[in-house]
Amino acid sequence: MGNQPEKALNRPKEDRSLKVTTNMNITT
């Protein structure tokens, strides 16, 4: 049970990282 919530929190973090990378690419 403790692993499930952690994974759910990790998912949004990865999504943010992807968005940041996309923003960096657009800036470049």
PDB file of N, CA and C in Angstrom:
ATOM      1  N   MET A   1       0.856  -1.205   0.000  1.00  0.00           N
ATOM      2  CA  MET A   1       0.000   0.000   0.000  1.00  0.00           C
ATOM      3  C   MET A   1       0.894   1.259   0.000  1.00  0.00           C
ATOM      4  N   GLY A   2       1.979   1.189   0.761  1.00  0.00           N
ATOM      5  CA  GLY A   2       2.873   2.364   0.824  1.00  0.00           C
ATOM      6  C   GLY A   2       3.539   2.630  -0.521  1.00  0.00           C
ATOM      7  N   ASN A   3       3.664   1.570  -1.333  1.00  0.00           N
ATOM      8  CA  ASN A   3       4.334   1.752  -2.630  1.00  0.00           C
ATOM      9  C   ASN A   3       3.400   2.394  -3.647  1.00  0.00           C
ATOM     10  N   GLN A   4       2.120   2.098  -3.525  1.00  0.00           N
ATOM     11  CA  GLN A   4       1.173   2.631  -4.513  1.00  0.00           C
ATOM     12  C   GLN A   4       1.125   4.169  -4.490  1.00  0.00           C
ATOM     13  N   PRO A   5       0.930   4.775  -3.329  1.00  0.00           N
ATOM     14  CA  PRO A   5       0.882   6.241  -3.266  1.00  0.00           C
ATOM     15  C   PRO A   5       2.196   6.876  -3.728  1.00  0.00           C
ATOM     16  N   GLU A   6       3.292   6.201  -3.427  1.00  0.00           N
ATOM     17  CA  GLU A   6       4.584   6.748  -3.855  1.00  0.00           C
ATOM     18  C   GLU A   6       4.658   6.782  -5.386  1.00  0.00           C
ATOM     19  N   LYS A   7       4.186   5.712  -6.013  1.00  0.00           N
ATOM     20  CA  LYS A   7       4.222   5.655  -7.481  1.00  0.00           C
ATOM     21  C   LYS A   7       3.322   6.750  -8.057  1.00  0.00           C
ATOM     22  N   ALA A   8       2.189   6.951  -7.448  1.00  0.00           N
ATOM     23  CA  ALA A   8       1.249   7.974  -7.943  1.00  0.00           C
ATOM     24  C   ALA A   8       1.909   9.352  -7.835  1.00  0.00           C
ATOM     25  N   LEU A   9       2.688   9.563  -6.791  1.00  0.00           N
ATOM     26  CA  LEU A   9       3.346  10.871  -6.625  1.00  0.00           C
ATOM     27  C   LEU A   9       4.484  11.004  -7.631  1.00  0.00           C
ATOM     28  N   ASN A  10       5.099   9.876  -7.956  1.00  0.00           N
ATOM     29  CA  ASN A  10       6.213   9.905  -8.906  1.00  0.00           C
ATOM     30  C   ASN A  10       5.701  10.191 -10.314  1.00  0.00           C
ATOM     31  N   ARG A  11       4.504   9.764 -10.584  1.00  0.00           N
ATOM     32  CA  ARG A  11       3.953   9.953 -11.944  1.00  0.00           C
ATOM     33  C   ARG A  11       3.848  11.443 -12.281  1.00  0.00           C
ATOM     34  N   PRO A  12       3.206  12.240 -11.463  1.00  0.00           N
ATOM     35  CA  PRO A  12       3.093  13.677 -11.759  1.00  0.00           C
ATOM     36  C   PRO A  12       4.467  14.339 -11.850  1.00  0.00           C
ATOM     37  N   LYS A  13       5.393  13.879 -11.035  1.00  0.00           N
ATOM     38  CA  LYS A  13       6.740  14.472 -11.082  1.00  0.00           C
ATOM     39  C   LYS A  13       7.369  14.215 -12.449  1.00  0.00           C
ATOM     40  N   GLU A  14       7.220  13.000 -12.947  1.00  0.00           N
ATOM     41  CA  GLU A  14       7.790  12.683 -14.266  1.00  0.00           C
ATOM     42  C   GLU A  14       7.101  13.521 -15.339  1.00  0.00           C
ATOM     43  N   ASP A  15       5.803  13.697 -15.193  1.00  0.00           N
ATOM     44  CA  ASP A  15       5.059  14.503 -16.170  1.00  0.00           C
ATOM     45  C   ASP A  15       5.608  15.928 -16.187  1.00  0.00           C
ATOM     46  N   ARG A  16       5.930  16.445 -15.030  1.00  0.00           N
ATOM     47  CA  ARG A  16       6.448  17.822 -14.957  1.00  0.00           C
ATOM     48  C   ARG A  16       7.814  17.880 -15.626  1.00  0.00           C
ATOM     49  N   SER A  17       8.596  16.868 -15.396  1.00  0.00           N
ATOM     50  CA  SER A  17       9.948  16.831 -15.986  1.00  0.00           C
ATOM     51  C   SER A  17       9.823  16.823 -17.513  1.00  0.00           C
ATOM     52  N   LEU A  18       8.856  16.062 -18.014  1.00  0.00           N
ATOM     53  CA  LEU A  18       8.671  15.979 -19.465  1.00  0.00           C
ATOM     54  C   LEU A  18       8.244  17.346 -19.996  1.00  0.00           C
ATOM     55  N   LYS A  19       7.394  18.015 -19.242  1.00  0.00           N
ATOM     56  CA  LYS A  19       6.920  19.337 -19.688  1.00  0.00           C
ATOM     57  C   LYS A  19       8.074  20.331 -19.692  1.00  0.00           C
ATOM     58  N   VAL A  20       8.913  20.237 -18.689  1.00  0.00           N
ATOM     59  CA  VAL A  20      10.068  21.147 -18.611  1.00  0.00           C
ATOM     60  C   VAL A  20      10.993  20.893 -19.790  1.00  0.00           C
ATOM     61  N   THR A  21      11.212  19.625 -20.101  1.00  0.00           N
ATOM     62  CA  THR A  21      12.104  19.283 -21.220  1.00  0.00           C
ATOM     63  C   THR A  21      11.514  19.816 -22.523  1.00  0.00           C
ATOM     64  N   THR A  22      10.212  19.705 -22.666  1.00  0.00           N
ATOM     65  CA  THR A  22       9.572  20.204 -23.883  1.00  0.00           C
ATOM     66  C   THR A  22       9.716  21.721 -23.956  1.00  0.00           C
ATOM     67  N   ASN A  23       9.575  22.393 -22.825  1.00  0.00           N
ATOM     68  CA  ASN A  23       9.712  23.846 -22.802  1.00  0.00           C
ATOM     69  C   ASN A  23      11.134  24.242 -23.177  1.00  0.00           C
ATOM     70  N   MET A  24      12.103  23.493 -22.665  1.00  0.00           N
ATOM     71  CA  MET A  24      13.508  23.782 -22.967  1.00  0.00           C
ATOM     72  C   MET A  24      13.749  23.615 -24.468  1.00  0.00           C
ATOM     73  N   ASN A  25      13.163  22.579 -25.035  1.00  0.00           N
ATOM     74  CA  ASN A  25      13.347  22.328 -26.472  1.00  0.00           C
ATOM     75  C   ASN A  25      12.733  23.463 -27.281  1.00  0.00           C
ATOM     76  N   ILE A  26      11.586  23.943 -26.847  1.00  0.00           N
ATOM     77  CA  ILE A  26      10.922  25.032 -27.575  1.00  0.00           C
ATOM     78  C   ILE A  26      11.771  26.301 -27.479  1.00  0.00           C
ATOM     79  N   THR A  27      12.346  26.517 -26.289  1.00  0.00           N
ATOM     80  CA  THR A  27      13.179  27.715 -26.101  1.00  0.00           C
ATOM     81  C   THR A  27      14.409  27.630 -26.991  1.00  0.00           C
ATOM     82  N   THR A  28      14.932  26.428 -27.112  1.00  0.00           N
ATOM     83  CA  THR A  28      16.147  26.258 -27.920  1.00  0.00           C
ATOM     84  C   THR A  28      15.749  26.488 -29.381  1.00  0.00           C
TER      85      THR A  28
END
